Amino acid sequence: MGRLLKYLFFLIILAAIGLVGYAYVGPWFGADFSPPLAEVRQPVTLHAD
């Protein structure tokens, strides 16, 4: 059981390092993480009685 937890912990750490690495290297491979720059307006109806 201890060995299983050790491997699981190792995989979690490896996944976290991979996610951070993808966040830094992703734009070089065409992944665009920037938000859309369009203004969005939606009408809101408030029912305050």
PDB file of N, CA and C in Angstrom:
ATOM      1  N   MET A   1       0.832  -1.196   0.000  1.00  0.00           N
ATOM      2  CA  MET A   1       0.000   0.000   0.000  1.00  0.00           C
ATOM      3  C   MET A   1       0.877   1.261   0.000  1.00  0.00           C
ATOM      4  N   GLY A   2       1.961   1.196   0.758  1.00  0.00           N
ATOM      5  CA  GLY A   2       2.873   2.339   0.804  1.00  0.00           C
ATOM      6  C   GLY A   2       3.522   2.610  -0.537  1.00  0.00           C
ATOM      7  N   ARG A   3       3.847   1.536  -1.261  1.00  0.00           N
ATOM      8  CA  ARG A   3       4.469   1.688  -2.571  1.00  0.00           C
ATOM      9  C   ARG A   3       3.485   2.328  -3.552  1.00  0.00           C
ATOM     10  N   LEU A   4       2.221   1.960  -3.455  1.00  0.00           N
ATOM     11  CA  LEU A   4       1.200   2.543  -4.330  1.00  0.00           C
ATOM     12  C   LEU A   4       1.057   4.039  -4.062  1.00  0.00           C
ATOM     13  N   LEU A   5       1.042   4.436  -2.818  1.00  0.00           N
ATOM     14  CA  LEU A   5       0.945   5.860  -2.481  1.00  0.00           C
ATOM     15  C   LEU A   5       2.185   6.623  -2.937  1.00  0.00           C
ATOM     16  N   LYS A   6       3.333   5.987  -2.847  1.00  0.00           N
ATOM     17  CA  LYS A   6       4.570   6.608  -3.301  1.00  0.00           C
ATOM     18  C   LYS A   6       4.516   6.867  -4.804  1.00  0.00           C
ATOM     19  N   TYR A   7       4.045   5.888  -5.580  1.00  0.00           N
ATOM     20  CA  TYR A   7       3.926   6.066  -7.030  1.00  0.00           C
ATOM     21  C   TYR A   7       2.863   7.104  -7.383  1.00  0.00           C
ATOM     22  N   LEU A   8       1.775   7.108  -6.644  1.00  0.00           N
ATOM     23  CA  LEU A   8       0.724   8.093  -6.885  1.00  0.00           C
ATOM     24  C   LEU A   8       1.225   9.509  -6.604  1.00  0.00           C
ATOM     25  N   PHE A   9       1.948   9.679  -5.520  1.00  0.00           N
ATOM     26  CA  PHE A   9       2.522  10.984  -5.192  1.00  0.00           C
ATOM     27  C   PHE A   9       3.512  11.412  -6.272  1.00  0.00           C
ATOM     28  N   PHE A  10       4.335  10.474  -6.745  1.00  0.00           N
ATOM     29  CA  PHE A  10       5.293  10.772  -7.799  1.00  0.00           C
ATOM     30  C   PHE A  10       4.575  11.189  -9.087  1.00  0.00           C
ATOM     31  N   LEU A  11       3.490  10.533  -9.431  1.00  0.00           N
ATOM     32  CA  LEU A  11       2.736  10.890 -10.636  1.00  0.00           C
ATOM     33  C   LEU A  11       2.076  12.258 -10.512  1.00  0.00           C
ATOM     34  N   ILE A  12       1.599  12.591  -9.322  1.00  0.00           N
ATOM     35  CA  ILE A  12       0.989  13.907  -9.111  1.00  0.00           C
ATOM     36  C   ILE A  12       2.033  15.004  -9.275  1.00  0.00           C
ATOM     37  N   ILE A  13       3.218  14.802  -8.702  1.00  0.00           N
ATOM     38  CA  ILE A  13       4.294  15.782  -8.842  1.00  0.00           C
ATOM     39  C   ILE A  13       4.718  15.913 -10.297  1.00  0.00           C
ATOM     40  N   LEU A  14       4.822  14.794 -10.999  1.00  0.00           N
ATOM     41  CA  LEU A  14       5.197  14.810 -12.411  1.00  0.00           C
ATOM     42  C   LEU A  14       4.132  15.518 -13.256  1.00  0.00           C
ATOM     43  N   ALA A  15       2.864  15.311 -12.950  1.00  0.00           N
ATOM     44  CA  ALA A  15       1.785  15.986 -13.686  1.00  0.00           C
ATOM     45  C   ALA A  15       1.806  17.489 -13.433  1.00  0.00           C
ATOM     46  N   ALA A  16       2.088  17.902 -12.211  1.00  0.00           N
ATOM     47  CA  ALA A  16       2.163  19.331 -11.898  1.00  0.00           C
ATOM     48  C   ALA A  16       3.319  19.988 -12.648  1.00  0.00           C
ATOM     49  N   ILE A  17       4.466  19.321 -12.698  1.00  0.00           N
ATOM     50  CA  ILE A  17       5.609  19.853 -13.445  1.00  0.00           C
ATOM     51  C   ILE A  17       5.277  19.925 -14.934  1.00  0.00           C
ATOM     52  N   GLY A  18       4.592  18.920 -15.447  1.00  0.00           N
ATOM     53  CA  GLY A  18       4.192  18.927 -16.854  1.00  0.00           C
ATOM     54  C   GLY A  18       3.208  20.040 -17.171  1.00  0.00           C
ATOM     55  N   LEU A  19       2.282  20.305 -16.274  1.00  0.00           N
ATOM     56  CA  LEU A  19       1.309  21.380 -16.490  1.00  0.00           C
ATOM     57  C   LEU A  19       1.974  22.744 -16.494  1.00  0.00           C
ATOM     58  N   VAL A  20       2.880  22.964 -15.561  1.00  0.00           N
ATOM     59  CA  VAL A  20       3.613  24.235 -15.524  1.00  0.00           C
ATOM     60  C   VAL A  20       4.491  24.371 -16.763  1.00  0.00           C
ATOM     61  N   GLY A  21       5.125  23.296 -17.164  1.00  0.00           N
ATOM     62  CA  GLY A  21       5.943  23.328 -18.377  1.00  0.00           C
ATOM     63  C   GLY A  21       5.121  23.626 -19.616  1.00  0.00           C
ATOM     64  N   TYR A  22       3.941  23.049 -19.710  1.00  0.00           N
ATOM     65  CA  TYR A  22       3.064  23.314 -20.852  1.00  0.00           C
ATOM     66  C   TYR A  22       2.607  24.770 -20.864  1.00  0.00           C
ATOM     67  N   ALA A  23       2.378  25.338 -19.691  1.00  0.00           N
ATOM     68  CA  ALA A  23       1.959  26.734 -19.623  1.00  0.00           C
ATOM     69  C   ALA A  23       3.057  27.662 -20.146  1.00  0.00           C
ATOM     70  N   TYR A  24       4.310  27.309 -19.908  1.00  0.00           N
ATOM     71  CA  TYR A  24       5.408  28.139 -20.389  1.00  0.00           C
ATOM     72  C   TYR A  24       5.769  27.860 -21.849  1.00  0.00           C
ATOM     73  N   VAL A  25       5.734  26.605 -22.271  1.00  0.00           N
ATOM     74  CA  VAL A  25       6.204  26.220 -23.595  1.00  0.00           C
ATOM     75  C   VAL A  25       5.064  26.173 -24.611  1.00  0.00           C
ATOM     76  N   GLY A  26       3.823  26.103 -24.158  1.00  0.00           N
ATOM     77  CA  GLY A  26       2.671  25.973 -25.041  1.00  0.00           C
ATOM     78  C   GLY A  26       2.559  27.021 -26.126  1.00  0.00           C
ATOM     79  N   PRO A  27       2.781  28.320 -25.831  1.00  0.00           N
ATOM     80  CA  PRO A  27       2.673  29.323 -26.898  1.00  0.00           C
ATOM     81  C   PRO A  27       3.663  29.123 -28.043  1.00  0.00           C
ATOM     82  N   TRP A  28       4.787  28.489 -27.799  1.00  0.00           N
ATOM     83  CA  TRP A  28       5.742  28.224 -28.879  1.00  0.00           C
ATOM     84  C   TRP A  28       5.219  27.162 -29.832  1.00  0.00           C
ATOM     85  N   PHE A  29       4.295  26.329 -29.374  1.00  0.00           N
ATOM     86  CA  PHE A  29       3.745  25.256 -30.203  1.00  0.00           C
ATOM     87  C   PHE A  29       2.342  25.577 -30.704  1.00  0.00           C
ATOM     88  N   GLY A  30       1.903  26.828 -30.569  1.00  0.00           N
ATOM     89  CA  GLY A  30       0.632  27.242 -31.137  1.00  0.00           C
ATOM     90  C   GLY A  30      -0.535  27.272 -30.176  1.00  0.00           C
ATOM     91  N   ALA A  31      -0.328  26.982 -28.899  1.00  0.00           N
ATOM     92  CA  ALA A  31      -1.418  27.067 -27.929  1.00  0.00           C
ATOM     93  C   ALA A  31      -1.559  28.519 -27.493  1.00  0.00           C
ATOM     94  N   ASP A  32      -2.722  29.085 -27.681  1.00  0.00           N
ATOM     95  CA  ASP A  32      -2.958  30.492 -27.350  1.00  0.00           C
ATOM     96  C   ASP A  32      -3.782  30.556 -26.075  1.00  0.00           C
ATOM     97  N   PHE A  33      -3.190  31.095 -25.015  1.00  0.00           N
ATOM     98  CA  PHE A  33      -3.867  31.162 -23.722  1.00  0.00           C
ATOM     99  C   PHE A  33      -4.444  32.543 -23.432  1.00  0.00           C
ATOM    100  N   SER A  34      -4.360  33.461 -24.366  1.00  0.00           N
ATOM    101  CA  SER A  34      -4.860  34.804 -24.119  1.00  0.00           C
ATOM    102  C   SER A  34      -6.386  34.830 -24.222  1.00  0.00           C
ATOM    103  N   PRO A  35      -7.023  35.675 -23.415  1.00  0.00           N
ATOM    104  CA  PRO A  35      -8.491  35.764 -23.479  1.00  0.00           C
ATOM    105  C   PRO A  35      -8.927  36.500 -24.741  1.00  0.00           C
ATOM    106  N   PRO A  36     -10.152  36.267 -25.198  1.00  0.00           N
ATOM    107  CA  PRO A  36     -10.652  37.012 -26.356  1.00  0.00           C
ATOM    108  C   PRO A  36     -10.793  38.489 -26.013  1.00  0.00           C
ATOM    109  N   LEU A  37     -10.446  39.337 -26.958  1.00  0.00           N
ATOM    110  CA  LEU A  37     -10.430  40.776 -26.711  1.00  0.00           C
ATOM    111  C   LEU A  37     -11.681  41.473 -27.233  1.00  0.00           C
ATOM    112  N   ALA A  38     -12.805  40.803 -27.231  1.00  0.00           N
ATOM    113  CA  ALA A  38     -14.057  41.395 -27.687  1.00  0.00           C
ATOM    114  C   ALA A  38     -14.932  41.720 -26.477  1.00  0.00           C
ATOM    115  N   GLU A  39     -15.564  42.874 -26.533  1.00  0.00           N
ATOM    116  CA  GLU A  39     -16.468  43.271 -25.460  1.00  0.00           C
ATOM    117  C   GLU A  39     -17.800  42.550 -25.632  1.00  0.00           C
ATOM    118  N   VAL A  40     -18.310  41.999 -24.560  1.00  0.00           N
ATOM    119  CA  VAL A  40     -19.566  41.263 -24.599  1.00  0.00           C
ATOM    120  C   VAL A  40     -20.574  42.007 -23.739  1.00  0.00           C
ATOM    121  N   ARG A  41     -21.721  42.335 -24.343  1.00  0.00           N
ATOM    122  CA  ARG A  41     -22.793  43.021 -23.605  1.00  0.00           C
ATOM    123  C   ARG A  41     -24.047  42.175 -23.681  1.00  0.00           C
ATOM    124  N   GLN A  42     -24.643  41.942 -22.514  1.00  0.00           N
ATOM    125  CA  GLN A  42     -25.883  41.196 -22.456  1.00  0.00           C
ATOM    126  C   GLN A  42     -26.860  41.962 -21.578  1.00  0.00           C
ATOM    127  N   PRO A  43     -28.105  42.080 -22.022  1.00  0.00           N
ATOM    128  CA  PRO A  43     -29.087  42.786 -21.198  1.00  0.00           C
ATOM    129  C   PRO A  43     -29.479  41.922 -19.992  1.00  0.00           C
ATOM    130  N   VAL A  44     -29.657  42.583 -18.868  1.00  0.00           N
ATOM    131  CA  VAL A  44     -30.040  41.906 -17.632  1.00  0.00           C
ATOM    132  C   VAL A  44     -31.357  42.478 -17.149  1.00  0.00           C
ATOM    133  N   THR A  45     -32.321  41.633 -16.892  1.00  0.00           N
ATOM    134  CA  THR A  45     -33.605  42.070 -16.359  1.00  0.00           C
ATOM    135  C   THR A  45     -33.657  41.708 -14.884  1.00  0.00           C
ATOM    136  N   LEU A  46     -33.805  42.741 -14.038  1.00  0.00           N
ATOM    137  CA  LEU A  46     -33.882  42.533 -12.611  1.00  0.00           C
ATOM    138  C   LEU A  46     -35.337  42.626 -12.158  1.00  0.00           C
ATOM    139  N   HIS A  47     -35.787  41.663 -11.398  1.00  0.00           N
ATOM    140  CA  HIS A  47     -37.147  41.656 -10.877  1.00  0.00           C
ATOM    141  C   HIS A  47     -37.084  41.949  -9.374  1.00  0.00           C
ATOM    142  N   ALA A  48     -37.032  43.210  -9.036  1.00  0.00           N
ATOM    143  CA  ALA A  48     -36.971  43.609  -7.630  1.00  0.00           C
ATOM    144  C   ALA A  48     -38.369  44.047  -7.202  1.00  0.00           C
ATOM    145  N   ASP A  49     -39.050  43.214  -6.472  1.00  0.00           N
ATOM    146  CA  ASP A  49     -40.418  43.539  -6.030  1.00  0.00           C
ATOM    147  C   ASP A  49     -40.418  43.925  -4.572  1.00  0.00           C
TER     148      ASP A  49
END
